[in-house]
């Protein structure tokens, strides 16, 4: 399925937000997810279904100083 992730088109075999995060190597990291301009709470990551052409923005925390 083609998805737009942080502005880049990706062809991924995923069904849910959680599967997307795991596929992108972000499954164990704190990450904020926006799906088609709506925030997806972490408690919904397992159940939130994705569809062709969805636009997803992912924001992770980066430490440093």
Protein backbone atom coordinates (compact mmCIF):
# COMPACT_ATOMS: atom_id res chain seq x y z
CA UNK A 1 0.00 0.00 0.00
CA UNK A 2 1.28 3.48 -0.83
CA UNK A 3 1.49 5.85 2.12
CA UNK A 4 2.97 9.32 2.51
CA UNK A 5 5.26 9.24 5.57
CA UNK A 6 6.82 12.56 6.61
CA UNK A 7 6.37 13.81 3.05
CA UNK A 8 7.91 10.76 1.32
CA UNK A 9 5.86 8.22 -0.60
CA UNK A 10 6.48 4.68 0.63
CA UNK A 11 5.12 1.35 -0.59
CA UNK A 12 4.64 -0.72 2.56
CA UNK A 13 2.82 -3.92 3.45
CA UNK A 14 1.20 -2.73 6.70
CA UNK A 15 -2.38 -2.49 7.96
CA UNK A 16 -2.17 -0.56 11.24
CA UNK A 17 -0.22 2.33 12.73
CA UNK A 18 1.59 -0.12 15.02
CA UNK A 19 2.68 -2.28 12.06
CA UNK A 20 3.95 0.86 10.32
CA UNK A 21 6.01 1.86 13.34
CA UNK A 22 7.53 -1.62 13.62
CA UNK A 23 8.28 -1.71 9.87
CA UNK A 24 10.10 1.63 10.15
CA UNK A 25 12.10 0.50 13.20
CA UNK A 26 10.22 2.77 15.61
CA UNK A 27 8.21 0.12 17.44
CA UNK A 28 9.94 0.53 20.81
CA UNK A 29 10.55 4.28 20.70
CA UNK A 30 8.33 7.10 21.93
CA UNK A 31 6.74 8.55 18.81
CA UNK A 32 3.92 10.99 18.09
CA UNK A 33 1.71 9.98 15.17
CA UNK A 34 -0.49 12.20 13.05
CA UNK A 35 -2.73 10.49 10.48
CA UNK A 36 -4.35 12.75 7.90
CA UNK A 37 -3.90 15.72 10.27
CA UNK A 38 -5.44 13.93 13.27
CA UNK A 39 -3.32 12.85 16.25
CA UNK A 40 -3.45 9.10 16.92
CA UNK A 41 -3.07 8.34 20.65
CA UNK A 42 -0.68 5.52 21.52
CA UNK A 43 -3.56 3.43 22.87
CA UNK A 44 -5.02 3.38 19.32
CA UNK A 45 -1.82 2.39 17.46
CA UNK A 46 -2.76 -1.32 17.43
CA UNK A 47 -6.29 -0.76 16.14
CA UNK A 48 -5.98 2.29 13.84
CA UNK A 49 -6.26 1.01 10.27
CA UNK A 50 -4.36 2.59 7.40
CA UNK A 51 -5.65 3.00 3.86
CA UNK A 52 -4.05 3.69 0.49
CA UNK A 53 -2.79 7.28 0.22
CA UNK A 54 -2.93 8.09 3.94
CA UNK A 55 -0.63 10.91 5.02
CA UNK A 56 1.30 10.17 8.19
CA UNK A 57 3.62 12.43 10.16
CA UNK A 58 5.91 10.82 12.72
CA UNK A 59 7.83 12.75 15.35
CA UNK A 60 10.39 11.09 17.60
CA UNK A 61 12.30 12.47 20.57
CA UNK A 62 15.97 13.21 20.12
CA UNK A 63 18.18 13.71 23.15
CA UNK A 64 21.26 15.82 23.25
CA UNK A 65 22.73 18.88 24.73
